[in-house]
Protein backbone atom coordinates (compact mmCIF):
# COMPACT_ATOMS: atom_id res chain seq x y z
CA UNK A 1 0.02 0.16 0.21
CA UNK A 2 1.14 3.39 -1.17
CA UNK A 3 2.95 5.45 2.48
CA UNK A 4 1.31 8.98 1.66
CA UNK A 5 3.94 11.84 0.33
CA UNK A 6 5.17 13.73 3.48
CA UNK A 7 5.90 16.73 1.15
CA UNK A 8 2.53 16.73 -0.40
CA UNK A 9 0.94 20.44 -0.43
CA UNK A 10 -2.48 19.15 1.10
CA UNK A 11 -1.39 17.06 3.56
CA UNK A 12 0.60 20.47 5.21
CA UNK A 13 -2.10 22.31 3.94
CA UNK A 14 -4.22 20.17 7.08
CA UNK A 15 -1.72 20.53 9.21
CA UNK A 16 -2.02 24.36 8.73
CA UNK A 17 -5.84 24.60 9.05
CA UNK A 18 -5.66 21.92 12.02
CA UNK A 19 -2.96 24.92 13.74
CA UNK A 20 -5.32 27.57 13.17
CA UNK A 21 -8.13 25.88 14.55
CA UNK A 22 -6.44 24.34 16.97
CA UNK A 23 -4.86 28.59 17.99
CA UNK A 24 -8.14 30.07 17.76
CA UNK A 25 -9.93 27.64 20.00
CA UNK A 26 -6.94 28.16 22.97
CA UNK A 27 -7.65 32.75 21.90
CA UNK A 28 -11.32 31.09 22.55
CA UNK A 29 -10.60 29.82 26.05
CA UNK A 30 -7.90 32.31 26.71
CA UNK A 31 -10.74 34.92 25.95
CA UNK A 32 -13.32 34.15 28.30
CA UNK A 33 -10.50 32.68 30.38
CA UNK A 34 -8.99 36.47 31.49
CA UNK A 35 -12.52 38.39 30.74
CA UNK A 36 -13.49 36.81 34.28
CA UNK A 37 -10.32 37.70 35.88
CA UNK A 38 -10.70 40.77 37.66
CA UNK A 39 -8.83 43.17 36.49
CA UNK A 40 -7.91 42.26 33.50
CA UNK A 41 -8.52 45.44 31.84
CA UNK A 42 -6.77 47.39 32.74
CA UNK A 43 -4.17 45.11 32.60
CA UNK A 44 -4.86 44.97 28.77
CA UNK A 45 -4.36 48.69 28.82
CA UNK A 46 -1.47 48.42 30.87
CA UNK A 47 -0.26 46.94 27.73
CA UNK A 48 -1.17 48.65 25.18
CA UNK A 49 0.05 51.44 26.57
CA UNK A 50 3.74 49.79 26.48
CA UNK A 51 3.45 48.59 23.32
CA UNK A 52 2.72 52.46 22.64
CA UNK A 53 5.70 53.61 24.67
CA UNK A 54 7.91 50.74 22.27
CA UNK A 55 6.72 52.17 19.12
CA UNK A 56 7.72 55.59 20.69
CA UNK A 57 11.74 57.88 21.94
CA UNK A 58 12.81 59.98 24.36
CA UNK A 59 11.09 62.71 25.02
CA UNK A 60 7.43 60.44 23.17
CA UNK A 61 7.51 58.21 25.64
CA UNK A 62 7.06 60.57 28.30
CA UNK A 63 3.93 61.77 26.72
CA UNK A 64 2.56 59.08 26.66
CA UNK A 65 3.19 57.77 30.51
CA UNK A 66 4.25 60.16 32.97
CA UNK A 67 7.35 60.41 35.88
CA UNK A 68 4.98 60.39 38.04
CA UNK A 69 2.26 58.04 37.14
CA UNK A 70 2.91 55.40 38.41
CA UNK A 71 4.97 55.97 41.71
CA UNK A 72 3.38 57.35 45.34
CA UNK A 73 3.58 57.49 48.96
CA UNK A 74 1.31 56.70 51.41
CA UNK A 75 2.01 58.80 55.32
CA UNK A 76 0.72 57.17 57.95
CA UNK A 77 -2.93 56.36 57.96
CA UNK A 78 -2.86 56.27 54.29
CA UNK A 79 -4.85 54.06 52.74
CA UNK A 80 -7.96 52.54 51.78
CA UNK A 81 -8.96 50.76 55.22
CA UNK A 82 -11.84 48.59 55.43
CA UNK A 83 -13.36 47.40 59.00
CA UNK A 84 -13.00 42.88 59.64
CA UNK A 85 -15.64 42.40 62.55
CA UNK A 86 -13.43 44.97 66.21
CA UNK A 87 -10.08 45.05 64.01
CA UNK A 88 -9.08 47.53 61.07
CA UNK A 89 -6.32 47.51 58.16
CA UNK A 90 -5.29 49.88 56.29
CA UNK A 91 -4.02 49.07 52.27
CA UNK A 92 -0.97 50.13 51.48
CA UNK A 93 -0.37 48.85 47.62
CA UNK A 94 -3.18 47.33 46.35
CA UNK A 95 -4.06 45.19 42.80
CA UNK A 96 -4.48 48.27 40.64
CA UNK A 97 -0.63 49.19 42.15
CA UNK A 98 0.97 46.26 41.27
CA UNK A 99 -0.01 45.30 38.35
CA UNK A 100 -2.79 43.00 39.80
CA UNK A 101 0.22 40.89 41.24
CA UNK A 102 0.58 41.43 45.13
CA UNK A 103 -1.35 43.42 47.96
CA UNK A 104 -0.18 44.88 50.93
CA UNK A 105 -1.47 45.93 54.29
CA UNK A 106 -0.64 47.31 57.46
CA UNK A 107 -2.39 46.47 60.09
CA UNK A 108 -2.53 48.40 63.37
CA UNK A 109 -4.04 45.87 66.54
CA UNK A 110 -5.27 46.92 70.05
CA UNK A 111 -5.26 44.49 72.93
CA UNK A 112 -7.06 41.32 72.77
CA UNK A 113 -8.22 41.23 69.16
CA UNK A 114 -7.06 39.09 66.47
CA UNK A 115 -8.66 37.25 63.57
CA UNK A 116 -9.61 33.69 63.14
CA UNK A 117 -8.49 30.48 62.23
CA UNK A 118 -8.89 30.35 58.30
CA UNK A 119 -7.03 29.16 55.13
CA UNK A 120 -6.40 30.40 51.59
CA UNK A 121 -4.71 29.06 48.76
CA UNK A 122 -2.44 30.94 48.72
CA UNK A 123 1.08 31.90 51.06
CA UNK A 124 1.04 35.68 52.95
CA UNK A 125 3.82 37.45 54.96
CA UNK A 126 3.58 39.16 57.58
CA UNK A 127 6.08 41.70 58.94
CA UNK A 128 5.83 43.15 62.89
CA UNK A 129 6.75 46.63 63.04
CA UNK A 130 6.01 47.42 66.34
CA UNK A 131 5.40 45.27 69.00
CA UNK A 132 4.09 41.41 69.33
CA UNK A 133 2.02 39.21 67.51
CA UNK A 134 0.51 35.82 67.83
CA UNK A 135 0.62 33.89 65.28
CA UNK A 136 -0.93 30.33 65.81
CA UNK A 137 -0.39 27.24 63.33
CA UNK A 138 -1.19 23.72 63.70
CA UNK A 139 1.10 21.25 62.58
CA UNK A 140 0.16 17.95 60.49
CA UNK A 141 -1.36 16.00 63.69
CA UNK A 142 -3.75 18.59 64.38
CA UNK A 143 -1.76 20.43 67.98
CA UNK A 144 -1.41 23.76 67.94
CA UNK A 145 1.40 26.04 68.42
CA UNK A 146 1.73 30.29 68.71
CA UNK A 147 4.50 31.58 67.49
CA UNK A 148 5.34 35.55 69.18
CA UNK A 149 6.55 38.20 66.50
CA UNK A 150 7.67 41.34 67.56
CA UNK A 151 9.89 44.35 65.15
CA UNK A 152 11.68 43.36 62.12
CA UNK A 153 10.38 39.22 62.35
CA UNK A 154 8.74 37.89 59.71
CA UNK A 155 6.25 34.80 59.78
CA UNK A 156 5.27 33.24 56.86
CA UNK A 157 1.77 31.26 56.52
CA UNK A 158 2.29 28.77 53.51
CA UNK A 159 -0.98 29.26 50.87
CA UNK A 160 -3.84 26.27 51.92
CA UNK A 161 -1.87 26.07 56.00
CA UNK A 162 -4.56 26.90 58.86
CA UNK A 163 -3.44 30.39 60.24
CA UNK A 164 -4.58 32.89 62.77
CA UNK A 165 -2.76 35.85 65.07
CA UNK A 166 -3.85 38.01 67.91
CA UNK A 167 -2.71 40.54 69.98
CA UNK A 168 -2.23 38.53 73.56
CA UNK A 169 -0.30 41.24 75.37
CA UNK A 170 -1.17 44.39 76.89
CA UNK A 171 0.13 46.76 74.01
CA UNK A 172 -0.79 47.47 70.55
CA UNK A 173 0.77 45.84 67.88
CA UNK A 174 1.21 46.59 63.95
CA UNK A 175 2.72 44.49 61.01
CA UNK A 176 2.12 44.96 57.67
CA UNK A 177 0.52 41.43 55.02
CA UNK A 178 1.56 40.83 51.84
CA UNK A 179 -0.19 38.12 49.97
CA UNK A 180 -1.63 38.00 46.49
CA UNK A 181 -3.94 39.93 45.28
CA UNK A 182 -7.00 37.03 44.98
CA UNK A 183 -6.33 38.47 49.27
CA UNK A 184 -7.32 41.74 48.66
CA UNK A 185 -10.02 40.71 46.52
CA UNK A 186 -12.96 38.95 50.00
CA UNK A 187 -12.00 42.02 51.98
CA UNK A 188 -13.14 44.43 49.36
CA UNK A 189 -16.59 41.78 48.80
CA UNK A 190 -17.59 41.80 52.10
CA UNK A 191 -15.28 43.91 55.04
CA UNK A 192 -17.02 48.38 54.73
CA UNK A 193 -14.69 50.86 54.36
CA UNK A 194 -14.38 53.15 56.84
CA UNK A 195 -12.73 56.20 58.62
CA UNK A 196 -8.97 55.62 59.78
CA UNK A 197 -9.94 58.99 61.78
CA UNK A 198 -13.35 57.12 63.51
CA UNK A 199 -13.40 55.98 66.48
CA UNK A 200 -12.84 52.83 67.07
CA UNK A 201 -16.31 51.33 67.97
CA UNK A 202 -16.38 51.06 72.61
CA UNK A 203 -15.68 47.47 73.73
CA UNK A 204 -18.88 44.97 74.50
CA UNK A 205 -20.72 42.38 75.39
CA UNK A 206 -21.52 40.86 71.24
CA UNK A 207 -25.62 40.77 70.44
CA UNK A 208 -26.07 38.10 68.91
CA UNK A 209 -27.25 39.87 65.94
CA UNK A 210 -24.08 41.05 65.70
CA UNK A 211 -23.32 37.17 65.44
CA UNK A 212 -24.56 36.18 63.23
CA UNK A 213 -23.64 38.51 60.57
CA UNK A 214 -20.12 37.80 61.74
CA UNK A 215 -21.31 34.85 61.29
CA UNK A 216 -22.36 34.92 57.60
CA UNK A 217 -18.65 36.76 56.61
CA UNK A 218 -17.16 33.29 57.58
CA UNK A 219 -19.35 31.77 55.17
CA UNK A 220 -19.34 34.06 52.59
CA UNK A 221 -15.91 33.70 52.20
CA UNK A 222 -15.93 30.31 50.69
CA UNK A 223 -17.48 32.04 47.48
CA UNK A 224 -13.83 33.62 47.04
CA UNK A 225 -11.98 30.48 48.67
CA UNK A 226 -10.59 31.92 52.06
CA UNK A 227 -12.10 28.94 54.32
CA UNK A 228 -13.05 29.42 58.42
CA UNK A 229 -13.36 26.04 60.12
CA UNK A 230 -15.73 28.11 62.83
CA UNK A 231 -17.85 28.58 60.03
CA UNK A 232 -19.96 25.15 61.49
CA UNK A 233 -20.20 26.42 64.34
CA UNK A 234 -23.60 27.05 65.33
CA UNK A 235 -23.82 30.58 66.14
CA UNK A 236 -21.62 33.45 65.70
CA UNK A 237 -21.42 34.29 69.71
CA UNK A 238 -19.86 31.61 69.72
CA UNK A 239 -17.32 31.84 67.14
CA UNK A 240 -16.64 35.36 69.68
CA UNK A 241 -16.25 33.00 72.75
CA UNK A 242 -13.94 31.07 70.64
CA UNK A 243 -12.80 34.93 69.94
CA UNK A 244 -11.84 35.47 73.39
CA UNK A 245 -10.40 33.14 74.40
CA UNK A 246 -7.58 32.66 72.73
CA UNK A 247 -7.11 36.78 72.70
CA UNK A 248 -7.10 36.29 76.69
CA UNK A 249 -3.52 33.39 76.82
CA UNK A 250 -0.12 35.13 76.66
CA UNK A 251 1.79 31.38 76.55
CA UNK A 252 3.17 31.80 73.44
CA UNK A 253 6.74 29.78 71.70
CA UNK A 254 9.46 32.41 70.94
């Protein structure tokens, strides 16, 4: 039986059509996925601007992107502040600032306050700048261990690792958290924006309604792939009691 010739024009034409079809399908799939990405339109604009700059030189490039665009300084208390339960964080660099690669916030954590145990499919890095913050980690056997970090210490929570942080001292602490842009999405979606200069709500016994609201926040977090075991609690007040218990303990590993 005669084998088809490898240099047959028809065969190459079919291969070219196949490759074009495959390319179109991939482009269609890429476009569909990319269109669903938060900030995708902004990224396209940045790429188009970069292409324009490459086609110009000298002063023409400076006309397209001024030296001040994208370069900024944020002073103390500057940035967008979010209220999460009874604590606050202030975004110092957002996805829009970093090409939707990373985001980081600063948090002033008062004594006796903290964030419950949770995990997410990306790492988070903490750098303590003032006071002491206790970070909770869970080992392979489910045992909890506290790690106390002070000024200059860095704590890394790997992707999917259960972790929490609390100020279990009698003095304020401050740290910076850095992670991927998707981390920011959760806070933008579910945490209200507040004025950083507004007084912090006074400490009081939480109501059942406030507990239920907090519990719903933990359940909603699953929509953006943030998991909190406390979301399975029977009531929000139960979650608050667990937080209070963790905040009141002062023992921690160095």
